[in-house]
ModelCIF file with pLDDT and N, C-alpha, C, O atoms, coordinates in Angstrom:
data_MODEL
#
_entry.id   MODEL 
#
_entity.id                         1 
_entity.type                       polymer 
_entity.pdbx_number_of_molecules   1 
#
_entity_poly.entity_id                      1 
_entity_poly.type                           'polypeptide(L)' 
_entity_poly.nstd_linkage                   no 
_entity_poly.nstd_monomer                   no 
_entity_poly.pdbx_seq_one_letter_code       
;(UNK)(UNK)(UNK)(UNK)(UNK)(UNK)(UNK)(UNK)(UNK)(UNK)(UNK)(UNK)(UNK)(UNK)(UNK)(UNK)
(UNK)(UNK)(UNK)(UNK)(UNK)(UNK)(UNK)(UNK)(UNK)(UNK)(UNK)(UNK)(UNK)(UNK)(UNK)
;
_entity_poly.pdbx_seq_one_letter_code_can   XXXXXXXXXXXXXXXXXXXXXXXXXXXXXXX 
_entity_poly.pdbx_strand_id                 A 
#
loop_
_entity_poly_seq.entity_id 
_entity_poly_seq.num 
_entity_poly_seq.mon_id 
_entity_poly_seq.hetero 
1 1  UNK n 
1 2  UNK n 
1 3  UNK n 
1 4  UNK n 
1 5  UNK n 
1 6  UNK n 
1 7  UNK n 
1 8  UNK n 
1 9  UNK n 
1 10 UNK n 
1 11 UNK n 
1 12 UNK n 
1 13 UNK n 
1 14 UNK n 
1 15 UNK n 
1 16 UNK n 
1 17 UNK n 
1 18 UNK n 
1 19 UNK n 
1 20 UNK n 
1 21 UNK n 
1 22 UNK n 
1 23 UNK n 
1 24 UNK n 
1 25 UNK n 
1 26 UNK n 
1 27 UNK n 
1 28 UNK n 
1 29 UNK n 
1 30 UNK n 
1 31 UNK n 
#
_struct_asym.id          A 
_struct_asym.entity_id   1 
#
loop_
_ma_qa_metric.id 
_ma_qa_metric.mode 
_ma_qa_metric.name 
_ma_qa_metric.software_group_id 
_ma_qa_metric.type 
1 global pLDDT . pLDDT 
2 local  pLDDT . pLDDT 
#
_ma_qa_metric_global.metric_id      1 
_ma_qa_metric_global.metric_value   95.58 
_ma_qa_metric_global.model_id       1 
_ma_qa_metric_global.ordinal_id     1 
#
loop_
_ma_qa_metric_local.label_asym_id 
_ma_qa_metric_local.label_comp_id 
_ma_qa_metric_local.label_seq_id 
_ma_qa_metric_local.metric_id 
_ma_qa_metric_local.metric_value 
_ma_qa_metric_local.model_id 
_ma_qa_metric_local.ordinal_id 
A UNK 1  2 98.00 1 1  
A UNK 2  2 98.00 1 2  
A UNK 3  2 97.00 1 3  
A UNK 4  2 96.00 1 4  
A UNK 5  2 96.00 1 5  
A UNK 6  2 93.00 1 6  
A UNK 7  2 92.00 1 7  
A UNK 8  2 92.00 1 8  
A UNK 9  2 88.00 1 9  
A UNK 10 2 90.00 1 10 
A UNK 11 2 93.00 1 11 
A UNK 12 2 93.00 1 12 
A UNK 13 2 95.00 1 13 
A UNK 14 2 96.00 1 14 
A UNK 15 2 97.00 1 15 
A UNK 16 2 98.00 1 16 
A UNK 17 2 98.00 1 17 
A UNK 18 2 98.00 1 18 
A UNK 19 2 98.00 1 19 
A UNK 20 2 97.00 1 20 
A UNK 21 2 93.00 1 21 
A UNK 22 2 94.00 1 22 
A UNK 23 2 96.00 1 23 
A UNK 24 2 96.00 1 24 
A UNK 25 2 97.00 1 25 
A UNK 26 2 97.00 1 26 
A UNK 27 2 98.00 1 27 
A UNK 28 2 98.00 1 28 
A UNK 29 2 98.00 1 29 
A UNK 30 2 97.00 1 30 
A UNK 31 2 96.00 1 31 
#
loop_
_atom_site.group_PDB 
_atom_site.id 
_atom_site.type_symbol 
_atom_site.label_atom_id 
_atom_site.label_alt_id 
_atom_site.label_comp_id 
_atom_site.label_asym_id 
_atom_site.label_entity_id 
_atom_site.label_seq_id 
_atom_site.pdbx_PDB_ins_code 
_atom_site.Cartn_x 
_atom_site.Cartn_y 
_atom_site.Cartn_z 
_atom_site.occupancy 
_atom_site.B_iso_or_equiv 
_atom_site.pdbx_formal_charge 
_atom_site.auth_seq_id 
_atom_site.auth_comp_id 
_atom_site.auth_asym_id 
_atom_site.auth_atom_id 
_atom_site.pdbx_PDB_model_num 
ATOM 1   N N  . UNK A 1 1  ? 84.967  36.111 4.176  1.00 98.00 ? 1  UNK A N  1 
ATOM 2   C CA . UNK A 1 1  ? 85.598  36.951 4.796  1.00 98.00 ? 1  UNK A CA 1 
ATOM 3   C C  . UNK A 1 1  ? 86.168  37.144 6.060  1.00 98.00 ? 1  UNK A C  1 
ATOM 4   O O  . UNK A 1 1  ? 85.146  37.263 6.736  1.00 98.00 ? 1  UNK A O  1 
ATOM 5   N N  . UNK A 1 2  ? 87.266  37.276 6.971  1.00 98.00 ? 2  UNK A N  1 
ATOM 6   C CA . UNK A 1 2  ? 87.783  37.375 8.086  1.00 98.00 ? 2  UNK A CA 1 
ATOM 7   C C  . UNK A 1 2  ? 88.616  38.481 8.238  1.00 98.00 ? 2  UNK A C  1 
ATOM 8   O O  . UNK A 1 2  ? 89.833  38.459 8.059  1.00 98.00 ? 2  UNK A O  1 
ATOM 9   N N  . UNK A 1 3  ? 88.203  39.084 8.445  1.00 97.00 ? 3  UNK A N  1 
ATOM 10  C CA . UNK A 1 3  ? 89.146  40.620 9.145  1.00 97.00 ? 3  UNK A CA 1 
ATOM 11  C C  . UNK A 1 3  ? 89.753  40.954 10.541 1.00 97.00 ? 3  UNK A C  1 
ATOM 12  O O  . UNK A 1 3  ? 89.152  41.246 11.575 1.00 97.00 ? 3  UNK A O  1 
ATOM 13  N N  . UNK A 1 4  ? 90.905  40.855 10.348 1.00 96.00 ? 4  UNK A N  1 
ATOM 14  C CA . UNK A 1 4  ? 91.358  40.657 11.304 1.00 96.00 ? 4  UNK A CA 1 
ATOM 15  C C  . UNK A 1 4  ? 91.301  42.483 11.652 1.00 96.00 ? 4  UNK A C  1 
ATOM 16  O O  . UNK A 1 4  ? 90.881  43.422 10.977 1.00 96.00 ? 4  UNK A O  1 
ATOM 17  N N  . UNK A 1 5  ? 92.100  42.389 13.369 1.00 96.00 ? 5  UNK A N  1 
ATOM 18  C CA . UNK A 1 5  ? 92.491  44.306 13.701 1.00 96.00 ? 5  UNK A CA 1 
ATOM 19  C C  . UNK A 1 5  ? 92.639  43.549 15.090 1.00 96.00 ? 5  UNK A C  1 
ATOM 20  O O  . UNK A 1 5  ? 92.276  42.502 15.625 1.00 96.00 ? 5  UNK A O  1 
ATOM 21  N N  . UNK A 1 6  ? 93.801  45.325 15.516 1.00 93.00 ? 6  UNK A N  1 
ATOM 22  C CA . UNK A 1 6  ? 94.439  44.370 17.035 1.00 93.00 ? 6  UNK A CA 1 
ATOM 23  C C  . UNK A 1 6  ? 96.178  44.396 16.751 1.00 93.00 ? 6  UNK A C  1 
ATOM 24  O O  . UNK A 1 6  ? 96.912  45.167 17.370 1.00 93.00 ? 6  UNK A O  1 
ATOM 25  N N  . UNK A 1 7  ? 96.575  43.628 15.934 1.00 92.00 ? 7  UNK A N  1 
ATOM 26  C CA . UNK A 1 7  ? 97.233  42.954 15.918 1.00 92.00 ? 7  UNK A CA 1 
ATOM 27  C C  . UNK A 1 7  ? 97.026  42.498 14.250 1.00 92.00 ? 7  UNK A C  1 
ATOM 28  O O  . UNK A 1 7  ? 96.025  42.128 13.636 1.00 92.00 ? 7  UNK A O  1 
ATOM 29  N N  . UNK A 1 8  ? 98.650  42.736 13.773 1.00 92.00 ? 8  UNK A N  1 
ATOM 30  C CA . UNK A 1 8  ? 98.606  41.106 12.377 1.00 92.00 ? 8  UNK A CA 1 
ATOM 31  C C  . UNK A 1 8  ? 98.422  40.186 12.699 1.00 92.00 ? 8  UNK A C  1 
ATOM 32  O O  . UNK A 1 8  ? 98.251  39.969 13.899 1.00 92.00 ? 8  UNK A O  1 
ATOM 33  N N  . UNK A 1 9  ? 98.383  39.419 11.965 1.00 88.00 ? 9  UNK A N  1 
ATOM 34  C CA . UNK A 1 9  ? 98.340  37.317 11.976 1.00 88.00 ? 9  UNK A CA 1 
ATOM 35  C C  . UNK A 1 9  ? 98.745  37.200 11.340 1.00 88.00 ? 9  UNK A C  1 
ATOM 36  O O  . UNK A 1 9  ? 98.794  35.972 11.270 1.00 88.00 ? 9  UNK A O  1 
ATOM 37  N N  . UNK A 1 10 ? 99.432  37.719 10.255 1.00 90.00 ? 10 UNK A N  1 
ATOM 38  C CA . UNK A 1 10 ? 100.535 36.999 9.571  1.00 90.00 ? 10 UNK A CA 1 
ATOM 39  C C  . UNK A 1 10 ? 101.433 36.360 10.130 1.00 90.00 ? 10 UNK A C  1 
ATOM 40  O O  . UNK A 1 10 ? 102.405 36.154 9.402  1.00 90.00 ? 10 UNK A O  1 
ATOM 41  N N  . UNK A 1 11 ? 101.508 35.875 11.359 1.00 93.00 ? 11 UNK A N  1 
ATOM 42  C CA . UNK A 1 11 ? 102.200 34.976 11.914 1.00 93.00 ? 11 UNK A CA 1 
ATOM 43  C C  . UNK A 1 11 ? 101.477 33.731 12.426 1.00 93.00 ? 11 UNK A C  1 
ATOM 44  O O  . UNK A 1 11 ? 101.980 32.658 12.760 1.00 93.00 ? 11 UNK A O  1 
ATOM 45  N N  . UNK A 1 12 ? 100.035 34.138 12.418 1.00 93.00 ? 12 UNK A N  1 
ATOM 46  C CA . UNK A 1 12 ? 98.571  33.245 12.790 1.00 93.00 ? 12 UNK A CA 1 
ATOM 47  C C  . UNK A 1 12 ? 98.422  32.376 11.889 1.00 93.00 ? 12 UNK A C  1 
ATOM 48  O O  . UNK A 1 12 ? 98.576  32.710 10.714 1.00 93.00 ? 12 UNK A O  1 
ATOM 49  N N  . UNK A 1 13 ? 97.989  30.680 12.330 1.00 95.00 ? 13 UNK A N  1 
ATOM 50  C CA . UNK A 1 13 ? 97.263  30.096 11.960 1.00 95.00 ? 13 UNK A CA 1 
ATOM 51  C C  . UNK A 1 13 ? 96.015  30.371 11.673 1.00 95.00 ? 13 UNK A C  1 
ATOM 52  O O  . UNK A 1 13 ? 95.561  30.873 12.701 1.00 95.00 ? 13 UNK A O  1 
ATOM 53  N N  . UNK A 1 14 ? 94.965  30.324 10.648 1.00 96.00 ? 14 UNK A N  1 
ATOM 54  C CA . UNK A 1 14 ? 93.617  30.294 10.740 1.00 96.00 ? 14 UNK A CA 1 
ATOM 55  C C  . UNK A 1 14 ? 92.506  29.554 10.702 1.00 96.00 ? 14 UNK A C  1 
ATOM 56  O O  . UNK A 1 14 ? 92.766  29.088 9.592  1.00 96.00 ? 14 UNK A O  1 
ATOM 57  N N  . UNK A 1 15 ? 91.447  29.030 10.984 1.00 97.00 ? 15 UNK A N  1 
ATOM 58  C CA . UNK A 1 15 ? 90.651  28.182 10.245 1.00 97.00 ? 15 UNK A CA 1 
ATOM 59  C C  . UNK A 1 15 ? 89.201  28.799 10.789 1.00 97.00 ? 15 UNK A C  1 
ATOM 60  O O  . UNK A 1 15 ? 88.736  29.526 11.667 1.00 97.00 ? 15 UNK A O  1 
ATOM 61  N N  . UNK A 1 16 ? 88.768  27.883 9.488  1.00 98.00 ? 16 UNK A N  1 
ATOM 62  C CA . UNK A 1 16 ? 87.316  28.028 9.881  1.00 98.00 ? 16 UNK A CA 1 
ATOM 63  C C  . UNK A 1 16 ? 86.240  27.310 10.434 1.00 98.00 ? 16 UNK A C  1 
ATOM 64  O O  . UNK A 1 16 ? 85.797  27.132 9.299  1.00 98.00 ? 16 UNK A O  1 
ATOM 65  N N  . UNK A 1 17 ? 85.598  26.861 10.986 1.00 98.00 ? 17 UNK A N  1 
ATOM 66  C CA . UNK A 1 17 ? 84.591  26.296 11.547 1.00 98.00 ? 17 UNK A CA 1 
ATOM 67  C C  . UNK A 1 17 ? 83.219  26.487 11.235 1.00 98.00 ? 17 UNK A C  1 
ATOM 68  O O  . UNK A 1 17 ? 82.913  27.494 10.597 1.00 98.00 ? 17 UNK A O  1 
ATOM 69  N N  . UNK A 1 18 ? 82.434  25.760 11.550 1.00 98.00 ? 18 UNK A N  1 
ATOM 70  C CA . UNK A 1 18 ? 80.810  25.910 11.381 1.00 98.00 ? 18 UNK A CA 1 
ATOM 71  C C  . UNK A 1 18 ? 79.950  24.705 12.543 1.00 98.00 ? 18 UNK A C  1 
ATOM 72  O O  . UNK A 1 18 ? 80.118  23.624 13.108 1.00 98.00 ? 18 UNK A O  1 
ATOM 73  N N  . UNK A 1 19 ? 78.902  25.893 12.363 1.00 98.00 ? 19 UNK A N  1 
ATOM 74  C CA . UNK A 1 19 ? 78.164  24.847 13.775 1.00 98.00 ? 19 UNK A CA 1 
ATOM 75  C C  . UNK A 1 19 ? 76.941  24.889 13.289 1.00 98.00 ? 19 UNK A C  1 
ATOM 76  O O  . UNK A 1 19 ? 76.584  25.973 12.829 1.00 98.00 ? 19 UNK A O  1 
ATOM 77  N N  . UNK A 1 20 ? 76.029  23.804 13.257 1.00 97.00 ? 20 UNK A N  1 
ATOM 78  C CA . UNK A 1 20 ? 74.246  23.746 12.915 1.00 97.00 ? 20 UNK A CA 1 
ATOM 79  C C  . UNK A 1 20 ? 73.652  23.743 14.184 1.00 97.00 ? 20 UNK A C  1 
ATOM 80  O O  . UNK A 1 20 ? 74.405  23.634 15.152 1.00 97.00 ? 20 UNK A O  1 
ATOM 81  N N  . UNK A 1 21 ? 72.336  23.849 14.380 1.00 93.00 ? 21 UNK A N  1 
ATOM 82  C CA . UNK A 1 21 ? 71.822  23.959 15.369 1.00 93.00 ? 21 UNK A CA 1 
ATOM 83  C C  . UNK A 1 21 ? 71.659  22.224 15.881 1.00 93.00 ? 21 UNK A C  1 
ATOM 84  O O  . UNK A 1 21 ? 71.473  21.148 15.311 1.00 93.00 ? 21 UNK A O  1 
ATOM 85  N N  . UNK A 1 22 ? 71.875  22.765 17.464 1.00 94.00 ? 22 UNK A N  1 
ATOM 86  C CA . UNK A 1 22 ? 72.075  20.906 17.827 1.00 94.00 ? 22 UNK A CA 1 
ATOM 87  C C  . UNK A 1 22 ? 73.327  19.754 17.718 1.00 94.00 ? 22 UNK A C  1 
ATOM 88  O O  . UNK A 1 22 ? 73.446  18.606 18.145 1.00 94.00 ? 22 UNK A O  1 
ATOM 89  N N  . UNK A 1 23 ? 74.156  20.620 16.962 1.00 96.00 ? 23 UNK A N  1 
ATOM 90  C CA . UNK A 1 23 ? 75.356  20.048 16.506 1.00 96.00 ? 23 UNK A CA 1 
ATOM 91  C C  . UNK A 1 23 ? 76.813  20.917 17.060 1.00 96.00 ? 23 UNK A C  1 
ATOM 92  O O  . UNK A 1 23 ? 77.080  22.108 16.903 1.00 96.00 ? 23 UNK A O  1 
ATOM 93  N N  . UNK A 1 24 ? 77.512  19.975 17.667 1.00 96.00 ? 24 UNK A N  1 
ATOM 94  C CA . UNK A 1 24 ? 79.340  20.413 17.986 1.00 96.00 ? 24 UNK A CA 1 
ATOM 95  C C  . UNK A 1 24 ? 79.671  21.020 16.922 1.00 96.00 ? 24 UNK A C  1 
ATOM 96  O O  . UNK A 1 24 ? 79.553  20.644 15.756 1.00 96.00 ? 24 UNK A O  1 
ATOM 97  N N  . UNK A 1 25 ? 80.397  22.665 17.641 1.00 97.00 ? 25 UNK A N  1 
ATOM 98  C CA . UNK A 1 25 ? 81.615  23.155 16.509 1.00 97.00 ? 25 UNK A CA 1 
ATOM 99  C C  . UNK A 1 25 ? 82.281  22.528 15.327 1.00 97.00 ? 25 UNK A C  1 
ATOM 100 O O  . UNK A 1 25 ? 83.250  22.263 16.038 1.00 97.00 ? 25 UNK A O  1 
ATOM 101 N N  . UNK A 1 26 ? 82.560  22.154 14.410 1.00 97.00 ? 26 UNK A N  1 
ATOM 102 C CA . UNK A 1 26 ? 83.052  21.011 13.575 1.00 97.00 ? 26 UNK A CA 1 
ATOM 103 C C  . UNK A 1 26 ? 83.899  21.821 13.081 1.00 97.00 ? 26 UNK A C  1 
ATOM 104 O O  . UNK A 1 26 ? 83.550  23.000 13.028 1.00 97.00 ? 26 UNK A O  1 
ATOM 105 N N  . UNK A 1 27 ? 85.490  21.382 12.485 1.00 98.00 ? 27 UNK A N  1 
ATOM 106 C CA . UNK A 1 27 ? 86.501  22.220 11.693 1.00 98.00 ? 27 UNK A CA 1 
ATOM 107 C C  . UNK A 1 27 ? 85.795  22.439 10.349 1.00 98.00 ? 27 UNK A C  1 
ATOM 108 O O  . UNK A 1 27 ? 84.780  21.815 10.040 1.00 98.00 ? 27 UNK A O  1 
ATOM 109 N N  . UNK A 1 28 ? 86.288  23.209 9.689  1.00 98.00 ? 28 UNK A N  1 
ATOM 110 C CA . UNK A 1 28 ? 86.148  23.298 8.022  1.00 98.00 ? 28 UNK A CA 1 
ATOM 111 C C  . UNK A 1 28 ? 87.422  23.488 7.721  1.00 98.00 ? 28 UNK A C  1 
ATOM 112 O O  . UNK A 1 28 ? 87.882  22.386 7.421  1.00 98.00 ? 28 UNK A O  1 
ATOM 113 N N  . UNK A 1 29 ? 88.088  24.163 7.657  1.00 98.00 ? 29 UNK A N  1 
ATOM 114 C CA . UNK A 1 29 ? 89.842  23.946 6.934  1.00 98.00 ? 29 UNK A CA 1 
ATOM 115 C C  . UNK A 1 29 ? 90.346  24.974 7.740  1.00 98.00 ? 29 UNK A C  1 
ATOM 116 O O  . UNK A 1 29 ? 89.711  25.644 8.554  1.00 98.00 ? 29 UNK A O  1 
ATOM 117 N N  . UNK A 1 30 ? 91.417  25.042 7.482  1.00 97.00 ? 30 UNK A N  1 
ATOM 118 C CA . UNK A 1 30 ? 92.862  25.834 8.510  1.00 97.00 ? 30 UNK A CA 1 
ATOM 119 C C  . UNK A 1 30 ? 93.809  26.161 7.646  1.00 97.00 ? 30 UNK A C  1 
ATOM 120 O O  . UNK A 1 30 ? 94.234  25.135 7.116  1.00 97.00 ? 30 UNK A O  1 
ATOM 121 N N  . UNK A 1 31 ? 94.485  27.383 7.150  1.00 96.00 ? 31 UNK A N  1 
ATOM 122 C CA . UNK A 1 31 ? 96.035  27.813 6.664  1.00 96.00 ? 31 UNK A CA 1 
ATOM 123 C C  . UNK A 1 31 ? 96.812  28.099 7.765  1.00 96.00 ? 31 UNK A C  1 
ATOM 124 O O  . UNK A 1 31 ? 97.987  28.437 7.621  1.00 96.00 ? 31 UNK A O  1 
#
């Protein structure tokens, strides 16, 4: 889960990324 606060993110694009040790942060999914 990714919970947002401060502002509504209903108009924002949101992505998931991941980073393993020794590797660059990589794209997983977006909406």
